[in-house]
Each structure stands twice: as C-alpha cells, then as structure tokens.
Amino acid sequence: MSTQPTRASALRLAALLLGTGTLHFARPEPFDRIVPRALPGDARAYTYASGVAELAVGTALAFPRTRRLGGALAAALFVAVFPANIQMTVSWLRSARISPAAKVIAVVRLPLQIPLVTEAVKVWRSSPRR
C-alpha cells in the first residue's frame, strides 16, 4: 500500500527529474560539458538522451499506476548519471575560471546522490505492484 510519505517522496523526485529533464533541452550546453569524455560520440546526444530519460522517469513517478516502476528507474538513473557528476567536479576543480565556492559546492554535492538513490529505492519498495 502506498503511504503518504512515499507519495510525497515520489512527487519531489518527479519534480526534480521533470525540471532537470526540461533543462536538458532548454539549456543543453552545461549538460554537454559534463558528459564523461570517455564516452564515444557527441555529447549533445547524451544530453538529449538523459533528458528524455529524466522526463520519462519523472512522469512515471508522478502517477500512482507507474510509481513503483518509476522508483526503480529513478534509482538506476541516479546511479547512471553519477559519472557525469564526477566529471563535472573534476573539470571544475581543474578550472581557473571556477570560483573556490563553486568548487566546494561541486565536491559537496557528490554525496547528495546517495539520498536521491535511497529515496527512489524507498518509493520503489513502498509502492504497490500494479
């Protein structure tokens, strides 16, 4: 049975993913810059693909009927994009143009991926099977 906290968690994650997914299309350049360089092909393709994934997963989380699947997919997505977050942090730390405060924020935000994954797993496990 879906609990009120699970619903609230799912809707918060949905809002985050829908907002970020939209930004992948509205302002793709910052996302292009954090695509890990080891990946083959064009960074923009990865930016758009991850934007589509975020929009799809956010939509799945928003509706009770698909919430369980959305929770599982969100957990996987948060793990999958972690290398891009590491790439961004490394690039920022190496850049003379990035302020020391922004560099600290980049480093501090890396462990914030953990509660995103755990919240998504909680939504997945707590949502009813449909």
N, C-alpha and C. Protein backbone atom coordinates (compact mmCIF):
# COMPACT_ATOMS: atom_id res chain seq x y z
N MET A 1 0.84 -1.18 0.00
CA MET A 1 0.00 0.00 0.00
C MET A 1 0.88 1.24 0.00
N SER A 2 0.56 2.21 -0.80
CA SER A 2 1.35 3.44 -0.90
C SER A 2 1.07 4.32 0.31
N THR A 3 2.13 4.79 0.93
CA THR A 3 1.98 5.65 2.09
C THR A 3 2.10 7.11 1.66
N GLN A 4 1.59 8.00 2.50
CA GLN A 4 1.66 9.43 2.20
C GLN A 4 3.11 9.90 2.06
N PRO A 5 4.04 9.47 2.97
CA PRO A 5 5.44 9.89 2.78
C PRO A 5 6.03 9.38 1.46
N THR A 6 5.67 8.17 1.05
CA THR A 6 6.16 7.64 -0.22
C THR A 6 5.64 8.49 -1.37
N ARG A 7 4.38 8.87 -1.31
CA ARG A 7 3.79 9.72 -2.34
C ARG A 7 4.52 11.05 -2.40
N ALA A 8 4.77 11.64 -1.24
CA ALA A 8 5.47 12.93 -1.19
C ALA A 8 6.89 12.78 -1.75
N SER A 9 7.58 11.71 -1.38
CA SER A 9 8.93 11.47 -1.91
C SER A 9 8.89 11.31 -3.42
N ALA A 10 7.92 10.55 -3.90
CA ALA A 10 7.79 10.32 -5.34
C ALA A 10 7.54 11.63 -6.08
N LEU A 11 6.69 12.47 -5.53
CA LEU A 11 6.38 13.73 -6.20
C LEU A 11 7.56 14.70 -6.16
N ARG A 12 8.33 14.69 -5.07
CA ARG A 12 9.54 15.52 -5.02
C ARG A 12 10.56 15.06 -6.06
N LEU A 13 10.76 13.74 -6.14
CA LEU A 13 11.70 13.21 -7.14
C LEU A 13 11.19 13.50 -8.55
N ALA A 14 9.87 13.37 -8.76
CA ALA A 14 9.29 13.66 -10.07
C ALA A 14 9.54 15.11 -10.45
N ALA A 15 9.32 16.03 -9.52
CA ALA A 15 9.53 17.46 -9.81
C ALA A 15 11.00 17.72 -10.16
N LEU A 16 11.90 17.12 -9.40
CA LEU A 16 13.33 17.29 -9.67
C LEU A 16 13.68 16.78 -11.07
N LEU A 17 13.23 15.58 -11.39
CA LEU A 17 13.56 14.97 -12.69
C LEU A 17 12.89 15.70 -13.85
N LEU A 18 11.65 16.10 -13.68
CA LEU A 18 10.97 16.82 -14.76
C LEU A 18 11.61 18.18 -15.00
N GLY A 19 12.00 18.85 -13.93
CA GLY A 19 12.67 20.13 -14.08
C GLY A 19 14.03 20.00 -14.74
N THR A 20 14.82 19.05 -14.26
CA THR A 20 16.15 18.85 -14.83
C THR A 20 16.06 18.32 -16.26
N GLY A 21 15.13 17.42 -16.51
CA GLY A 21 14.95 16.90 -17.87
C GLY A 21 14.60 18.00 -18.85
N THR A 22 13.76 18.93 -18.43
CA THR A 22 13.40 20.07 -19.27
C THR A 22 14.61 20.95 -19.56
N LEU A 23 15.45 21.15 -18.54
CA LEU A 23 16.65 21.96 -18.73
C LEU A 23 17.62 21.35 -19.75
N HIS A 24 17.61 20.02 -19.88
CA HIS A 24 18.48 19.37 -20.87
C HIS A 24 18.18 19.85 -22.29
N PHE A 25 16.93 20.26 -22.52
CA PHE A 25 16.53 20.74 -23.84
C PHE A 25 16.55 22.26 -23.93
N ALA A 26 16.20 22.92 -22.84
CA ALA A 26 16.16 24.39 -22.85
C ALA A 26 17.56 25.00 -22.83
N ARG A 27 18.47 24.39 -22.07
CA ARG A 27 19.86 24.87 -21.96
C ARG A 27 20.80 23.67 -21.94
N PRO A 28 21.04 23.05 -23.08
CA PRO A 28 21.83 21.81 -23.09
C PRO A 28 23.33 21.99 -22.86
N GLU A 29 23.85 23.18 -23.09
CA GLU A 29 25.31 23.38 -23.03
C GLU A 29 25.95 22.96 -21.71
N PRO A 30 25.39 23.34 -20.55
CA PRO A 30 26.03 22.90 -19.30
C PRO A 30 26.06 21.37 -19.15
N PHE A 31 25.04 20.72 -19.66
CA PHE A 31 25.00 19.26 -19.58
C PHE A 31 25.99 18.63 -20.55
N ASP A 32 26.16 19.25 -21.73
CA ASP A 32 27.15 18.76 -22.69
C ASP A 32 28.54 18.73 -22.06
N ARG A 33 28.84 19.76 -21.28
CA ARG A 33 30.18 19.87 -20.69
C ARG A 33 30.49 18.82 -19.64
N ILE A 34 29.45 18.20 -19.05
CA ILE A 34 29.73 17.22 -18.00
C ILE A 34 29.59 15.77 -18.48
N VAL A 35 29.32 15.59 -19.76
CA VAL A 35 29.30 14.23 -20.29
C VAL A 35 30.73 13.68 -20.19
N PRO A 36 30.90 12.53 -19.55
CA PRO A 36 32.26 11.97 -19.42
C PRO A 36 32.94 11.85 -20.77
N ARG A 37 34.17 12.31 -20.84
CA ARG A 37 34.92 12.33 -22.10
C ARG A 37 35.20 10.93 -22.64
N ALA A 38 35.16 9.94 -21.77
CA ALA A 38 35.44 8.57 -22.18
C ALA A 38 34.32 7.98 -23.04
N LEU A 39 33.13 8.59 -23.01
CA LEU A 39 32.01 8.08 -23.80
C LEU A 39 32.21 8.41 -25.27
N PRO A 40 31.93 7.46 -26.15
CA PRO A 40 32.08 7.73 -27.59
C PRO A 40 30.93 8.60 -28.10
N GLY A 41 31.18 9.31 -29.18
CA GLY A 41 30.12 10.07 -29.83
C GLY A 41 29.98 11.48 -29.33
N ASP A 42 28.89 12.10 -29.75
CA ASP A 42 28.61 13.50 -29.49
C ASP A 42 27.98 13.70 -28.11
N ALA A 43 28.51 14.64 -27.36
CA ALA A 43 28.00 14.93 -26.02
C ALA A 43 26.52 15.33 -26.06
N ARG A 44 26.12 16.08 -27.08
CA ARG A 44 24.73 16.54 -27.17
C ARG A 44 23.75 15.36 -27.24
N ALA A 45 24.13 14.30 -27.91
CA ALA A 45 23.27 13.12 -27.98
C ALA A 45 23.03 12.55 -26.58
N TYR A 46 24.08 12.51 -25.77
CA TYR A 46 23.95 12.03 -24.39
C TYR A 46 23.10 12.99 -23.56
N THR A 47 23.27 14.29 -23.80
CA THR A 47 22.47 15.28 -23.09
C THR A 47 21.00 15.08 -23.39
N TYR A 48 20.65 14.94 -24.66
CA TYR A 48 19.26 14.75 -25.02
C TYR A 48 18.72 13.40 -24.53
N ALA A 49 19.52 12.35 -24.65
CA ALA A 49 19.07 11.02 -24.19
C ALA A 49 18.81 11.03 -22.69
N SER A 50 19.70 11.67 -21.93
CA SER A 50 19.48 11.71 -20.48
C SER A 50 18.30 12.61 -20.14
N GLY A 51 18.08 13.66 -20.93
CA GLY A 51 16.91 14.50 -20.72
C GLY A 51 15.62 13.74 -20.95
N VAL A 52 15.58 12.94 -22.01
CA VAL A 52 14.40 12.10 -22.27
C VAL A 52 14.20 11.12 -21.13
N ALA A 53 15.28 10.51 -20.67
CA ALA A 53 15.19 9.55 -19.56
C ALA A 53 14.64 10.23 -18.31
N GLU A 54 15.14 11.42 -18.00
CA GLU A 54 14.67 12.11 -16.81
C GLU A 54 13.20 12.49 -16.93
N LEU A 55 12.78 12.93 -18.09
CA LEU A 55 11.36 13.26 -18.29
C LEU A 55 10.48 12.02 -18.17
N ALA A 56 10.92 10.91 -18.74
CA ALA A 56 10.14 9.67 -18.68
C ALA A 56 10.05 9.15 -17.25
N VAL A 57 11.16 9.14 -16.54
CA VAL A 57 11.17 8.63 -15.17
C VAL A 57 10.38 9.57 -14.25
N GLY A 58 10.54 10.87 -14.44
CA GLY A 58 9.76 11.82 -13.64
C GLY A 58 8.27 11.64 -13.86
N THR A 59 7.87 11.41 -15.09
CA THR A 59 6.46 11.17 -15.40
C THR A 59 5.98 9.88 -14.74
N ALA A 60 6.79 8.84 -14.79
CA ALA A 60 6.41 7.57 -14.15
C ALA A 60 6.23 7.74 -12.65
N LEU A 61 7.08 8.52 -12.02
CA LEU A 61 6.97 8.76 -10.58
C LEU A 61 5.72 9.56 -10.22
N ALA A 62 5.25 10.40 -11.11
CA ALA A 62 4.14 11.30 -10.82
C ALA A 62 2.80 10.59 -10.71
N PHE A 63 2.69 9.41 -11.28
CA PHE A 63 1.40 8.72 -11.32
C PHE A 63 1.44 7.43 -10.51
N PRO A 64 0.45 7.23 -9.64
CA PRO A 64 0.44 6.03 -8.79
C PRO A 64 0.55 4.72 -9.57
N ARG A 65 -0.06 4.67 -10.72
CA ARG A 65 -0.07 3.44 -11.53
C ARG A 65 1.34 3.01 -11.97
N THR A 66 2.23 3.98 -12.19
CA THR A 66 3.58 3.68 -12.67
C THR A 66 4.66 4.04 -11.65
N ARG A 67 4.23 4.39 -10.44
CA ARG A 67 5.17 4.89 -9.42
C ARG A 67 6.22 3.86 -9.03
N ARG A 68 5.82 2.61 -8.87
CA ARG A 68 6.77 1.57 -8.47
C ARG A 68 7.88 1.44 -9.51
N LEU A 69 7.51 1.33 -10.77
CA LEU A 69 8.49 1.26 -11.85
C LEU A 69 9.33 2.54 -11.87
N GLY A 70 8.69 3.68 -11.69
CA GLY A 70 9.41 4.95 -11.67
C GLY A 70 10.45 5.00 -10.57
N GLY A 71 10.14 4.46 -9.40
CA GLY A 71 11.12 4.42 -8.31
C GLY A 71 12.34 3.60 -8.66
N ALA A 72 12.11 2.43 -9.25
CA ALA A 72 13.23 1.57 -9.66
C ALA A 72 14.07 2.25 -10.74
N LEU A 73 13.39 2.84 -11.72
CA LEU A 73 14.12 3.52 -12.80
C LEU A 73 14.86 4.76 -12.29
N ALA A 74 14.26 5.47 -11.35
CA ALA A 74 14.93 6.66 -10.79
C ALA A 74 16.21 6.26 -10.07
N ALA A 75 16.15 5.19 -9.28
CA ALA A 75 17.36 4.73 -8.58
C ALA A 75 18.46 4.39 -9.59
N ALA A 76 18.08 3.67 -10.65
CA ALA A 76 19.06 3.31 -11.68
C ALA A 76 19.60 4.55 -12.39
N LEU A 77 18.72 5.50 -12.68
CA LEU A 77 19.14 6.72 -13.37
C LEU A 77 20.11 7.54 -12.51
N PHE A 78 19.81 7.66 -11.22
CA PHE A 78 20.70 8.43 -10.35
C PHE A 78 22.09 7.79 -10.26
N VAL A 79 22.14 6.48 -10.30
CA VAL A 79 23.44 5.79 -10.32
C VAL A 79 24.12 6.01 -11.67
N ALA A 80 23.35 5.93 -12.75
CA ALA A 80 23.91 6.04 -14.10
C ALA A 80 24.49 7.43 -14.38
N VAL A 81 23.91 8.48 -13.83
CA VAL A 81 24.40 9.83 -14.12
C VAL A 81 25.53 10.25 -13.17
N PHE A 82 25.83 9.43 -12.19
CA PHE A 82 26.88 9.80 -11.23
C PHE A 82 28.23 10.06 -11.90
N PRO A 83 28.64 9.28 -12.92
CA PRO A 83 29.91 9.61 -13.59
C PRO A 83 29.93 11.02 -14.19
N ALA A 84 28.80 11.50 -14.66
CA ALA A 84 28.75 12.88 -15.18
C ALA A 84 28.96 13.88 -14.04
N ASN A 85 28.42 13.59 -12.88
CA ASN A 85 28.63 14.47 -11.73
C ASN A 85 30.11 14.48 -11.32
N ILE A 86 30.74 13.33 -11.39
CA ILE A 86 32.17 13.26 -11.10
C ILE A 86 32.95 14.05 -12.14
N GLN A 87 32.60 13.89 -13.42
CA GLN A 87 33.27 14.62 -14.49
C GLN A 87 33.14 16.12 -14.27
N MET A 88 31.95 16.58 -13.90
CA MET A 88 31.76 18.00 -13.65
C MET A 88 32.66 18.46 -12.51
N THR A 89 32.72 17.69 -11.45
CA THR A 89 33.54 18.07 -10.30
C THR A 89 35.02 18.14 -10.68
N VAL A 90 35.49 17.14 -11.39
CA VAL A 90 36.90 17.13 -11.82
C VAL A 90 37.19 18.34 -12.71
N SER A 91 36.32 18.60 -13.67
CA SER A 91 36.51 19.74 -14.58
C SER A 91 36.52 21.06 -13.83
N TRP A 92 35.61 21.19 -12.88
CA TRP A 92 35.53 22.43 -12.12
C TRP A 92 36.77 22.61 -11.24
N LEU A 93 37.23 21.52 -10.62
CA LEU A 93 38.41 21.62 -9.77
C LEU A 93 39.65 22.02 -10.56
N ARG A 94 39.72 21.61 -11.82
CA ARG A 94 40.87 21.92 -12.67
C ARG A 94 40.79 23.30 -13.31
N SER A 95 39.63 23.91 -13.29
CA SER A 95 39.41 25.17 -13.99
C SER A 95 39.82 26.36 -13.14
N ALA A 96 40.55 27.28 -13.75
CA ALA A 96 40.91 28.53 -13.09
C ALA A 96 39.73 29.52 -13.11
N ARG A 97 38.75 29.27 -13.98
CA ARG A 97 37.61 30.19 -14.13
C ARG A 97 36.51 29.94 -13.09
N ILE A 98 36.54 28.79 -12.44
CA ILE A 98 35.50 28.45 -11.46
C ILE A 98 35.93 28.96 -10.09
N SER A 99 35.01 29.60 -9.39
CA SER A 99 35.33 30.17 -8.08
C SER A 99 35.57 29.06 -7.06
N PRO A 100 36.34 29.35 -6.02
CA PRO A 100 36.56 28.36 -4.96
C PRO A 100 35.24 27.89 -4.32
N ALA A 101 34.29 28.81 -4.16
CA ALA A 101 33.00 28.42 -3.57
C ALA A 101 32.27 27.42 -4.47
N ALA A 102 32.27 27.66 -5.77
CA ALA A 102 31.62 26.73 -6.70
C ALA A 102 32.31 25.37 -6.69
N LYS A 103 33.62 25.38 -6.54
CA LYS A 103 34.36 24.11 -6.45
C LYS A 103 33.96 23.33 -5.21
N VAL A 104 33.80 24.03 -4.10
CA VAL A 104 33.35 23.36 -2.87
C VAL A 104 31.96 22.78 -3.06
N ILE A 105 31.07 23.53 -3.68
CA ILE A 105 29.71 23.05 -3.94
C ILE A 105 29.73 21.80 -4.82
N ALA A 106 30.58 21.80 -5.83
CA ALA A 106 30.67 20.64 -6.73
C ALA A 106 31.09 19.40 -5.96
N VAL A 107 32.04 19.55 -5.05
CA VAL A 107 32.51 18.40 -4.27
C VAL A 107 31.44 17.96 -3.26
N VAL A 108 30.83 18.92 -2.59
CA VAL A 108 29.84 18.61 -1.56
C VAL A 108 28.59 17.96 -2.14
N ARG A 109 28.25 18.30 -3.38
CA ARG A 109 27.02 17.73 -3.95
C ARG A 109 27.16 16.26 -4.36
N LEU A 110 28.39 15.77 -4.51
CA LEU A 110 28.56 14.37 -4.91
C LEU A 110 27.88 13.40 -3.95
N PRO A 111 28.09 13.51 -2.63
CA PRO A 111 27.42 12.57 -1.74
C PRO A 111 25.90 12.76 -1.67
N LEU A 112 25.40 13.87 -2.18
CA LEU A 112 23.95 14.08 -2.17
C LEU A 112 23.23 13.11 -3.11
N GLN A 113 23.99 12.44 -3.96
CA GLN A 113 23.39 11.43 -4.83
C GLN A 113 22.87 10.25 -4.00
N ILE A 114 23.48 10.01 -2.86
CA ILE A 114 23.08 8.88 -2.01
C ILE A 114 21.63 9.01 -1.55
N PRO A 115 21.20 10.16 -0.97
CA PRO A 115 19.79 10.24 -0.57
C PRO A 115 18.83 10.20 -1.76
N LEU A 116 19.27 10.65 -2.92
CA LEU A 116 18.40 10.53 -4.10
C LEU A 116 18.16 9.06 -4.43
N VAL A 117 19.22 8.28 -4.41
CA VAL A 117 19.09 6.84 -4.68
C VAL A 117 18.24 6.18 -3.61
N THR A 118 18.50 6.49 -2.35
CA THR A 118 17.75 5.83 -1.27
C THR A 118 16.27 6.21 -1.29
N GLU A 119 15.96 7.46 -1.61
CA GLU A 119 14.55 7.87 -1.72
C GLU A 119 13.86 7.14 -2.87
N ALA A 120 14.56 7.03 -3.99
CA ALA A 120 13.98 6.32 -5.14
C ALA A 120 13.74 4.85 -4.80
N VAL A 121 14.68 4.23 -4.11
CA VAL A 121 14.50 2.83 -3.70
C VAL A 121 13.32 2.71 -2.75
N LYS A 122 13.18 3.67 -1.83
CA LYS A 122 12.05 3.66 -0.89
C LYS A 122 10.72 3.74 -1.65
N VAL A 123 10.66 4.60 -2.65
CA VAL A 123 9.44 4.71 -3.46
C VAL A 123 9.18 3.39 -4.17
N TRP A 124 10.20 2.81 -4.75
CA TRP A 124 10.06 1.54 -5.46
C TRP A 124 9.53 0.45 -4.54
N ARG A 125 10.13 0.30 -3.38
CA ARG A 125 9.75 -0.79 -2.47
C ARG A 125 8.42 -0.56 -1.78
N SER A 126 8.04 0.70 -1.60
CA SER A 126 6.81 1.01 -0.85
C SER A 126 5.58 1.14 -1.73
N SER A 127 5.76 1.27 -3.01
CA SER A 127 4.62 1.45 -3.92
C SER A 127 4.01 0.09 -4.24
N PRO A 128 2.70 0.05 -4.37
CA PRO A 128 2.05 -1.23 -4.67
C PRO A 128 2.36 -1.74 -6.07
N ARG A 129 2.39 -3.04 -6.20
CA ARG A 129 2.55 -3.64 -7.53
C ARG A 129 1.27 -3.45 -8.30
N ARG A 130 1.39 -3.15 -9.57
CA ARG A 130 0.18 -2.94 -10.40
C ARG A 130 0.18 -3.93 -11.53
